[in-house]
Amino acid sequence: MPQGSRTETFARIGRSYPRIPIAPASEVAESSLTRYAGRYAAVAGVLAFLGALALIGWLLAR
């Protein structure tokens, strides 16, 4: 086994892998659409939950 196996980017299974630095230029700038995506997902989740409860209630009332 070579001496520098712990410092290589890809090592054997079971070894701790070194962190690969990511250049700040490769990061994607946040657009205005991604800012609201979390809000829309939360509102859609609440509406889906309430819709499921309404459907269960309607089925039980029949």
PDB file of N, CA and C in Angstrom:
ATOM      1  N   MET A   1       0.850  -1.176   0.000  1.00  0.00           N
ATOM      2  CA  MET A   1       0.000   0.000   0.000  1.00  0.00           C
ATOM      3  C   MET A   1       0.895   1.238   0.000  1.00  0.00           C
ATOM      4  N   PRO A   2       0.603   2.246  -0.835  1.00  0.00           N
ATOM      5  CA  PRO A   2       1.436   3.452  -0.870  1.00  0.00           C
ATOM      6  C   PRO A   2       1.339   4.243   0.427  1.00  0.00           C
ATOM      7  N   GLN A   3       2.350   5.023   0.672  1.00  0.00           N
ATOM      8  CA  GLN A   3       2.412   5.813   1.906  1.00  0.00           C
ATOM      9  C   GLN A   3       1.362   6.915   1.941  1.00  0.00           C
ATOM     10  N   GLY A   4       1.021   7.496   0.799  1.00  0.00           N
ATOM     11  CA  GLY A   4       0.105   8.632   0.772  1.00  0.00           C
ATOM     12  C   GLY A   4      -1.345   8.256   0.571  1.00  0.00           C
ATOM     13  N   SER A   5      -1.741   7.045   0.916  1.00  0.00           N
ATOM     14  CA  SER A   5      -3.111   6.621   0.641  1.00  0.00           C
ATOM     15  C   SER A   5      -4.139   7.392   1.461  1.00  0.00           C
ATOM     16  N   ARG A   6      -3.757   7.907   2.624  1.00  0.00           N
ATOM     17  CA  ARG A   6      -4.710   8.673   3.434  1.00  0.00           C
ATOM     18  C   ARG A   6      -4.913  10.087   2.900  1.00  0.00           C
ATOM     19  N   THR A   7      -3.990  10.578   2.123  1.00  0.00           N
ATOM     20  CA  THR A   7      -4.109  11.946   1.619  1.00  0.00           C
ATOM     21  C   THR A   7      -4.666  11.994   0.207  1.00  0.00           C
ATOM     22  N   GLU A   8      -4.906  10.848  -0.407  1.00  0.00           N
ATOM     23  CA  GLU A   8      -5.474  10.841  -1.742  1.00  0.00           C
ATOM     24  C   GLU A   8      -6.943  11.255  -1.691  1.00  0.00           C
ATOM     25  N   THR A   9      -7.452  11.719  -2.821  1.00  0.00           N
ATOM     26  CA  THR A   9      -8.844  12.163  -2.871  1.00  0.00           C
ATOM     27  C   THR A   9      -9.792  10.985  -2.682  1.00  0.00           C
ATOM     28  N   PHE A  10      -9.504   9.871  -3.316  1.00  0.00           N
ATOM     29  CA  PHE A  10     -10.358   8.692  -3.195  1.00  0.00           C
ATOM     30  C   PHE A  10      -9.536   7.586  -2.558  1.00  0.00           C
ATOM     31  N   ALA A  11      -9.930   7.158  -1.393  1.00  0.00           N
ATOM     32  CA  ALA A  11      -9.198   6.138  -0.656  1.00  0.00           C
ATOM     33  C   ALA A  11     -10.017   4.862  -0.588  1.00  0.00           C
ATOM     34  N   ARG A  12      -9.499   3.881   0.102  1.00  0.00           N
ATOM     35  CA  ARG A  12     -10.202   2.609   0.256  1.00  0.00           C
ATOM     36  C   ARG A  12     -11.423   2.762   1.155  1.00  0.00           C
ATOM     37  N   ILE A  13     -12.321   1.800   1.070  1.00  0.00           N
ATOM     38  CA  ILE A  13     -13.494   1.790   1.935  1.00  0.00           C
ATOM     39  C   ILE A  13     -13.026   1.588   3.367  1.00  0.00           C
ATOM     40  N   GLY A  14     -13.590   2.344   4.284  1.00  0.00           N
ATOM     41  CA  GLY A  14     -13.208   2.245   5.681  1.00  0.00           C
ATOM     42  C   GLY A  14     -12.262   3.347   6.111  1.00  0.00           C
ATOM     43  N   ARG A  15     -11.681   4.019   5.172  1.00  0.00           N
ATOM     44  CA  ARG A  15     -10.787   5.139   5.491  1.00  0.00           C
ATOM     45  C   ARG A  15     -11.607   6.418   5.544  1.00  0.00           C
ATOM     46  N   SER A  16     -11.116   7.395   6.268  1.00  0.00           N
ATOM     47  CA  SER A  16     -11.810   8.686   6.286  1.00  0.00           C
ATOM     48  C   SER A  16     -11.428   9.446   5.026  1.00  0.00           C
ATOM     49  N   TYR A  17     -12.426   9.969   4.358  1.00  0.00           N
ATOM     50  CA  TYR A  17     -12.208  10.686   3.112  1.00  0.00           C
ATOM     51  C   TYR A  17     -11.928  12.151   3.392  1.00  0.00           C
ATOM     52  N   PRO A  18     -10.946  12.735   2.710  1.00  0.00           N
ATOM     53  CA  PRO A  18     -10.684  14.163   2.901  1.00  0.00           C
ATOM     54  C   PRO A  18     -11.777  14.993   2.261  1.00  0.00           C
ATOM     55  N   ARG A  19     -11.994  16.163   2.791  1.00  0.00           N
ATOM     56  CA  ARG A  19     -12.993  17.073   2.241  1.00  0.00           C
ATOM     57  C   ARG A  19     -12.472  17.637   0.926  1.00  0.00           C
ATOM     58  N   ILE A  20     -13.333  17.699  -0.071  1.00  0.00           N
ATOM     59  CA  ILE A  20     -12.964  18.273  -1.353  1.00  0.00           C
ATOM     60  C   ILE A  20     -13.422  19.722  -1.340  1.00  0.00           C
ATOM     61  N   PRO A  21     -12.503  20.676  -1.418  1.00  0.00           N
ATOM     62  CA  PRO A  21     -12.914  22.090  -1.367  1.00  0.00           C
ATOM     63  C   PRO A  21     -13.685  22.472  -2.623  1.00  0.00           C
ATOM     64  N   ILE A  22     -14.760  23.204  -2.428  1.00  0.00           N
ATOM     65  CA  ILE A  22     -15.586  23.683  -3.536  1.00  0.00           C
ATOM     66  C   ILE A  22     -15.301  25.166  -3.721  1.00  0.00           C
ATOM     67  N   ALA A  23     -14.963  25.514  -4.937  1.00  0.00           N
ATOM     68  CA  ALA A  23     -14.658  26.908  -5.234  1.00  0.00           C
ATOM     69  C   ALA A  23     -15.941  27.735  -5.170  1.00  0.00           C
ATOM     70  N   PRO A  24     -15.889  28.952  -4.599  1.00  0.00           N
ATOM     71  CA  PRO A  24     -17.104  29.770  -4.514  1.00  0.00           C
ATOM     72  C   PRO A  24     -17.677  30.133  -5.877  1.00  0.00           C
ATOM     73  N   ALA A  25     -16.868  30.109  -6.929  1.00  0.00           N
ATOM     74  CA  ALA A  25     -17.368  30.457  -8.258  1.00  0.00           C
ATOM     75  C   ALA A  25     -18.324  29.386  -8.781  1.00  0.00           C
ATOM     76  N   SER A  26     -18.208  28.141  -8.287  1.00  0.00           N
ATOM     77  CA  SER A  26     -19.068  27.080  -8.789  1.00  0.00           C
ATOM     78  C   SER A  26     -20.425  27.045  -8.099  1.00  0.00           C
ATOM     79  N   GLU A  27     -20.620  27.841  -7.055  1.00  0.00           N
ATOM     80  CA  GLU A  27     -21.904  27.871  -6.371  1.00  0.00           C
ATOM     81  C   GLU A  27     -22.934  28.612  -7.213  1.00  0.00           C
ATOM     82  N   VAL A  28     -24.158  28.127  -7.184  1.00  0.00           N
ATOM     83  CA  VAL A  28     -25.230  28.722  -7.977  1.00  0.00           C
ATOM     84  C   VAL A  28     -25.876  29.838  -7.165  1.00  0.00           C
ATOM     85  N   ALA A  29     -26.061  30.976  -7.795  1.00  0.00           N
ATOM     86  CA  ALA A  29     -26.718  32.095  -7.125  1.00  0.00           C
ATOM     87  C   ALA A  29     -28.192  31.781  -6.942  1.00  0.00           C
ATOM     88  N   GLU A  30     -28.742  32.184  -5.806  1.00  0.00           N
ATOM     89  CA  GLU A  30     -30.146  31.908  -5.508  1.00  0.00           C
ATOM     90  C   GLU A  30     -31.030  32.838  -6.323  1.00  0.00           C
ATOM     91  N   SER A  31     -31.962  32.254  -7.058  1.00  0.00           N
ATOM     92  CA  SER A  31     -32.868  33.064  -7.857  1.00  0.00           C
ATOM     93  C   SER A  31     -34.108  33.409  -7.037  1.00  0.00           C
ATOM     94  N   SER A  32     -34.928  34.285  -7.590  1.00  0.00           N
ATOM     95  CA  SER A  32     -36.127  34.687  -6.872  1.00  0.00           C
ATOM     96  C   SER A  32     -37.140  33.552  -6.804  1.00  0.00           C
ATOM     97  N   LEU A  33     -37.101  32.611  -7.759  1.00  0.00           N
ATOM     98  CA  LEU A  33     -38.037  31.491  -7.738  1.00  0.00           C
ATOM     99  C   LEU A  33     -37.713  30.509  -6.626  1.00  0.00           C
ATOM    100  N   THR A  34     -36.430  30.255  -6.372  1.00  0.00           N
ATOM    101  CA  THR A  34     -36.076  29.298  -5.323  1.00  0.00           C
ATOM    102  C   THR A  34     -36.356  29.866  -3.944  1.00  0.00           C
ATOM    103  N   ARG A  35     -36.424  31.171  -3.833  1.00  0.00           N
ATOM    104  CA  ARG A  35     -36.716  31.782  -2.538  1.00  0.00           C
ATOM    105  C   ARG A  35     -38.134  31.443  -2.088  1.00  0.00           C
ATOM    106  N   TYR A  36     -39.063  31.362  -3.044  1.00  0.00           N
ATOM    107  CA  TYR A  36     -40.464  31.096  -2.711  1.00  0.00           C
ATOM    108  C   TYR A  36     -40.821  29.617  -2.797  1.00  0.00           C
ATOM    109  N   ALA A  37     -39.931  28.784  -3.269  1.00  0.00           N
ATOM    110  CA  ALA A  37     -40.239  27.364  -3.458  1.00  0.00           C
ATOM    111  C   ALA A  37     -40.554  26.695  -2.131  1.00  0.00           C
ATOM    112  N   GLY A  38     -39.846  27.022  -1.070  1.00  0.00           N
ATOM    113  CA  GLY A  38     -40.110  26.428   0.235  1.00  0.00           C
ATOM    114  C   GLY A  38     -41.468  26.822   0.778  1.00  0.00           C
ATOM    115  N   ARG A  39     -41.851  28.078   0.553  1.00  0.00           N
ATOM    116  CA  ARG A  39     -43.168  28.542   1.017  1.00  0.00           C
ATOM    117  C   ARG A  39     -44.281  27.827   0.280  1.00  0.00           C
ATOM    118  N   TYR A  40     -44.132  27.701  -1.047  1.00  0.00           N
ATOM    119  CA  TYR A  40     -45.158  27.032  -1.833  1.00  0.00           C
ATOM    120  C   TYR A  40     -45.256  25.554  -1.452  1.00  0.00           C
ATOM    121  N   ALA A  41     -44.130  24.933  -1.166  1.00  0.00           N
ATOM    122  CA  ALA A  41     -44.145  23.523  -0.771  1.00  0.00           C
ATOM    123  C   ALA A  41     -44.844  23.361   0.578  1.00  0.00           C
ATOM    124  N   ALA A  42     -44.621  24.284   1.502  1.00  0.00           N
ATOM    125  CA  ALA A  42     -45.266  24.205   2.809  1.00  0.00           C
ATOM    126  C   ALA A  42     -46.775  24.410   2.681  1.00  0.00           C
ATOM    127  N   VAL A  43     -47.177  25.374   1.880  1.00  0.00           N
ATOM    128  CA  VAL A  43     -48.610  25.632   1.679  1.00  0.00           C
ATOM    129  C   VAL A  43     -49.258  24.444   0.980  1.00  0.00           C
ATOM    130  N   ALA A  44     -48.575  23.864  -0.005  1.00  0.00           N
ATOM    131  CA  ALA A  44     -49.120  22.698  -0.701  1.00  0.00           C
ATOM    132  C   ALA A  44     -49.241  21.511   0.249  1.00  0.00           C
ATOM    133  N   GLY A  45     -48.294  21.348   1.154  1.00  0.00           N
ATOM    134  CA  GLY A  45     -48.374  20.269   2.129  1.00  0.00           C
ATOM    135  C   GLY A  45     -49.545  20.427   3.075  1.00  0.00           C
ATOM    136  N   VAL A  46     -49.770  21.662   3.541  1.00  0.00           N
ATOM    137  CA  VAL A  46     -50.897  21.925   4.442  1.00  0.00           C
ATOM    138  C   VAL A  46     -52.218  21.694   3.710  1.00  0.00           C
ATOM    139  N   LEU A  47     -52.313  22.147   2.481  1.00  0.00           N
ATOM    140  CA  LEU A  47     -53.541  21.947   1.715  1.00  0.00           C
ATOM    141  C   LEU A  47     -53.793  20.463   1.440  1.00  0.00           C
ATOM    142  N   ALA A  48     -52.741  19.709   1.147  1.00  0.00           N
ATOM    143  CA  ALA A  48     -52.902  18.277   0.918  1.00  0.00           C
ATOM    144  C   ALA A  48     -53.362  17.571   2.194  1.00  0.00           C
ATOM    145  N   PHE A  49     -52.810  17.978   3.331  1.00  0.00           N
ATOM    146  CA  PHE A  49     -53.205  17.385   4.611  1.00  0.00           C
ATOM    147  C   PHE A  49     -54.668  17.685   4.920  1.00  0.00           C
ATOM    148  N   LEU A  50     -55.073  18.942   4.742  1.00  0.00           N
ATOM    149  CA  LEU A  50     -56.464  19.309   4.992  1.00  0.00           C
ATOM    150  C   LEU A  50     -57.407  18.618   4.012  1.00  0.00           C
ATOM    151  N   GLY A  51     -56.985  18.468   2.776  1.00  0.00           N
ATOM    152  CA  GLY A  51     -57.798  17.764   1.795  1.00  0.00           C
ATOM    153  C   GLY A  51     -57.968  16.297   2.156  1.00  0.00           C
ATOM    154  N   ALA A  52     -56.900  15.678   2.655  1.00  0.00           N
ATOM    155  CA  ALA A  52     -56.992  14.278   3.072  1.00  0.00           C
ATOM    156  C   ALA A  52     -57.932  14.136   4.265  1.00  0.00           C
ATOM    157  N   LEU A  53     -57.849  15.058   5.203  1.00  0.00           N
ATOM    158  CA  LEU A  53     -58.761  15.020   6.348  1.00  0.00           C
ATOM    159  C   LEU A  53     -60.210  15.210   5.903  1.00  0.00           C
ATOM    160  N   ALA A  54     -60.436  16.116   4.963  1.00  0.00           N
ATOM    161  CA  ALA A  54     -61.797  16.344   4.460  1.00  0.00           C
ATOM    162  C   ALA A  54     -62.314  15.108   3.741  1.00  0.00           C
ATOM    163  N   LEU A  55     -61.469  14.450   2.973  1.00  0.00           N
ATOM    164  CA  LEU A  55     -61.884  13.244   2.271  1.00  0.00           C
ATOM    165  C   LEU A  55     -62.229  12.128   3.251  1.00  0.00           C
ATOM    166  N   ILE A  56     -61.411  11.956   4.271  1.00  0.00           N
ATOM    167  CA  ILE A  56     -61.696  10.941   5.288  1.00  0.00           C
ATOM    168  C   ILE A  56     -63.001  11.266   6.011  1.00  0.00           C
ATOM    169  N   GLY A  57     -63.200  12.525   6.351  1.00  0.00           N
ATOM    170  CA  GLY A  57     -64.444  12.932   7.000  1.00  0.00           C
ATOM    171  C   GLY A  57     -65.649  12.704   6.119  1.00  0.00           C
ATOM    172  N   TRP A  58     -65.522  13.002   4.855  1.00  0.00           N
ATOM    173  CA  TRP A  58     -66.631  12.804   3.923  1.00  0.00           C
ATOM    174  C   TRP A  58     -66.948  11.328   3.776  1.00  0.00           C
ATOM    175  N   LEU A  59     -65.910  10.484   3.690  1.00  0.00           N
ATOM    176  CA  LEU A  59     -66.133   9.044   3.567  1.00  0.00           C
ATOM    177  C   LEU A  59     -66.780   8.460   4.819  1.00  0.00           C
ATOM    178  N   LEU A  60     -66.388   8.957   5.978  1.00  0.00           N
ATOM    179  CA  LEU A  60     -66.975   8.474   7.222  1.00  0.00           C
ATOM    180  C   LEU A  60     -68.424   8.944   7.377  1.00  0.00           C
ATOM    181  N   ALA A  61     -68.759  10.107   6.844  1.00  0.00           N
ATOM    182  CA  ALA A  61     -70.104  10.645   6.992  1.00  0.00           C
ATOM    183  C   ALA A  61     -71.094   9.990   6.032  1.00  0.00           C
ATOM    184  N   ARG A  62     -70.619   9.357   4.982  1.00  0.00           N
ATOM    185  CA  ARG A  62     -71.512   8.721   4.003  1.00  0.00           C
ATOM    186  C   ARG A  62     -72.246   7.578   4.563  1.00  0.00           C
TER     187      ARG A  62
END
